[in-house]
Amino acid sequence: MLKTVGIVLAIVLALGQTGERAPTPRKHALWAAISVEQPIIARNTETTQVYFGLVNDGDSTVDPKVELSHLLINGVEPKDWSFVIGNGLRNPSFNALPPGHSWLFTYQLGRYFLAPGVYTVRWESDNFRSPDLTFRVVKSLQ
């Protein structure tokens, strides 16, 4: 038993010397995701919808601060994003998402994806971060 404790202590001390830190816990338990209609999109449409979703997995009501969020497209935020996210229909959950509740909304953002290519998109703020979404825009669907 004493030998096992010594081995565990040696491992803990060795890990502590690497300079690696434990991940910082999130302030709130918000789950976020974004999606598009399909993984391959025809270039000639500005009506491409991007869907946004949040779920409060915590045990208290949270202001997700969506209006302060960032949309990164291939690592760059569109210049008009703060205007886009600051406008649109709002419900009471916009500023106060209760525990166990979700919030969905969508924007037509095709103007950001007019050129053919592969796009990696992420939506984040201080309170949440979506996984990266990757899709491709082609000249036309065949």
Protein backbone atom coordinates (compact mmCIF):
# COMPACT_ATOMS: atom_id res chain seq x y z
CA MET A 1 0.00 0.00 0.00
CA LEU A 2 2.76 2.44 0.95
CA LYS A 3 4.61 1.62 -2.28
CA THR A 4 1.43 2.36 -4.32
CA VAL A 5 0.97 5.71 -2.57
CA GLY A 6 4.60 6.57 -3.31
CA ILE A 7 4.18 5.74 -6.99
CA VAL A 8 0.99 7.81 -7.25
CA LEU A 9 2.71 10.72 -5.46
CA ALA A 10 5.69 10.49 -7.84
CA ILE A 11 3.36 10.58 -10.85
CA VAL A 12 1.44 13.58 -9.47
CA LEU A 13 4.69 15.44 -8.77
CA ALA A 14 6.05 14.61 -12.23
CA LEU A 15 2.88 15.87 -13.90
CA GLY A 16 3.01 19.05 -11.85
CA GLN A 17 6.55 19.77 -13.07
CA THR A 18 5.57 19.78 -16.75
CA GLY A 19 3.99 23.21 -16.42
CA GLU A 20 0.70 21.94 -17.83
CA ARG A 21 -2.37 23.30 -16.17
CA ALA A 22 -5.74 21.70 -15.74
CA PRO A 23 -8.40 23.09 -18.10
CA THR A 24 -10.10 26.19 -16.75
CA PRO A 25 -13.67 25.33 -15.75
CA ARG A 26 -16.40 27.19 -17.62
CA LYS A 27 -18.28 29.86 -15.71
CA HIS A 28 -21.57 28.49 -17.00
CA ALA A 29 -22.72 25.17 -18.39
CA LEU A 30 -23.86 26.35 -21.82
CA TRP A 31 -23.71 23.98 -24.76
CA ALA A 32 -23.52 25.67 -28.16
CA ALA A 33 -23.63 24.44 -31.74
CA ILE A 34 -24.06 25.80 -35.26
CA SER A 35 -25.09 24.08 -38.48
CA VAL A 36 -25.98 24.65 -42.12
CA GLU A 37 -28.58 22.88 -44.27
CA GLN A 38 -26.09 20.57 -45.97
CA PRO A 39 -22.33 19.94 -46.11
CA ILE A 40 -22.05 21.05 -49.76
CA ILE A 41 -23.65 24.35 -50.77
CA ALA A 42 -24.09 25.88 -54.24
CA ARG A 43 -22.22 29.17 -54.60
CA ASN A 44 -24.99 31.14 -56.26
CA THR A 45 -27.15 31.54 -53.17
CA GLU A 46 -27.08 34.32 -50.61
CA THR A 47 -29.97 32.68 -48.76
CA THR A 48 -27.80 30.07 -47.04
CA GLN A 49 -29.05 29.74 -43.48
CA VAL A 50 -26.76 29.27 -40.48
CA TYR A 51 -28.54 27.77 -37.48
CA PHE A 52 -27.47 28.62 -33.93
CA GLY A 53 -28.38 26.70 -30.79
CA LEU A 54 -27.73 27.03 -27.07
CA VAL A 55 -28.66 24.71 -24.20
CA ASN A 56 -28.31 25.60 -20.53
CA ASP A 57 -27.02 22.42 -18.87
CA GLY A 58 -26.42 24.26 -15.59
CA ASP A 59 -28.60 24.61 -12.52
CA SER A 60 -29.22 28.36 -12.69
CA THR A 61 -30.50 30.90 -15.20
CA VAL A 62 -27.73 32.37 -17.36
CA ASP A 63 -27.43 35.42 -19.59
CA PRO A 64 -25.63 33.84 -22.57
CA LYS A 65 -24.57 37.32 -23.79
CA VAL A 66 -25.23 36.31 -27.36
CA GLU A 67 -24.97 39.91 -28.54
CA LEU A 68 -21.29 39.87 -27.48
CA SER A 69 -20.55 36.64 -29.34
CA HIS A 70 -18.11 36.19 -32.21
CA LEU A 71 -18.55 34.27 -35.44
CA LEU A 72 -15.21 33.17 -36.83
CA ILE A 73 -15.10 32.13 -40.48
CA ASN A 74 -11.75 30.56 -41.30
CA GLY A 75 -10.44 32.37 -38.21
CA VAL A 76 -11.75 35.83 -39.13
CA GLU A 77 -14.84 37.59 -37.81
CA PRO A 78 -16.98 39.39 -40.43
CA LYS A 79 -16.81 43.15 -39.96
CA ASP A 80 -20.60 43.46 -39.63
CA TRP A 81 -21.06 40.53 -37.19
CA SER A 82 -21.82 42.73 -34.16
CA PHE A 83 -24.59 44.43 -36.17
CA VAL A 84 -25.97 41.09 -37.38
CA ILE A 85 -26.03 39.42 -33.96
CA GLY A 86 -27.42 42.56 -32.32
CA ASN A 87 -30.53 42.46 -34.51
CA GLY A 88 -33.41 40.05 -34.94
CA LEU A 89 -36.34 38.70 -33.00
CA ARG A 90 -35.74 38.06 -29.31
CA ASN A 91 -37.62 36.07 -26.73
CA PRO A 92 -37.23 36.19 -22.93
CA SER A 93 -34.49 33.52 -23.10
CA PHE A 94 -32.23 35.89 -25.02
CA ASN A 95 -31.03 37.50 -21.77
CA ALA A 96 -32.08 34.81 -19.29
CA LEU A 97 -31.81 31.18 -20.40
CA PRO A 98 -33.30 29.00 -17.62
CA PRO A 99 -31.69 25.69 -16.63
CA GLY A 100 -32.66 22.84 -18.94
CA HIS A 101 -33.93 25.21 -21.64
CA SER A 102 -32.65 25.75 -25.14
CA TRP A 103 -32.66 28.60 -27.59
CA LEU A 104 -32.57 28.31 -31.39
CA PHE A 105 -32.28 31.00 -34.04
CA THR A 106 -31.08 31.38 -37.61
CA TYR A 107 -29.64 34.03 -39.91
CA GLN A 108 -29.25 34.16 -43.69
CA LEU A 109 -25.48 34.47 -43.94
CA GLY A 110 -24.84 33.27 -47.48
CA ARG A 111 -23.10 36.55 -48.34
CA TYR A 112 -20.17 35.32 -46.20
CA PHE A 113 -19.82 32.15 -48.27
CA LEU A 114 -20.13 33.22 -51.91
CA ALA A 115 -16.67 32.13 -53.05
CA PRO A 116 -16.11 28.42 -53.68
CA GLY A 117 -14.01 26.79 -51.00
CA VAL A 118 -13.95 25.05 -47.65
CA TYR A 119 -15.22 27.03 -44.70
CA THR A 120 -14.61 26.32 -41.03
CA VAL A 121 -16.93 28.30 -38.78
CA ARG A 122 -17.05 28.66 -34.98
CA TRP A 123 -19.41 30.64 -32.74
CA GLU A 124 -18.17 31.69 -29.32
CA SER A 125 -18.39 34.12 -26.45
CA ASP A 126 -17.15 34.29 -22.87
CA ASN A 127 -19.91 31.85 -21.84
CA PHE A 128 -19.85 29.27 -24.66
CA ARG A 129 -17.97 27.91 -27.65
CA SER A 130 -19.40 25.80 -30.43
CA PRO A 131 -17.45 23.00 -32.05
CA ASP A 132 -16.01 23.91 -35.44
CA LEU A 133 -18.40 23.47 -38.36
CA THR A 134 -16.84 22.66 -41.72
CA PHE A 135 -18.65 22.71 -45.06
CA ARG A 136 -17.83 23.33 -48.68
CA VAL A 137 -19.17 25.80 -51.23
CA VAL A 138 -19.03 24.71 -54.89
CA LYS A 139 -19.90 26.49 -58.15
CA SER A 140 -22.99 24.36 -58.64
CA LEU A 141 -24.53 21.16 -57.33
CA GLN A 142 -24.66 18.34 -59.85
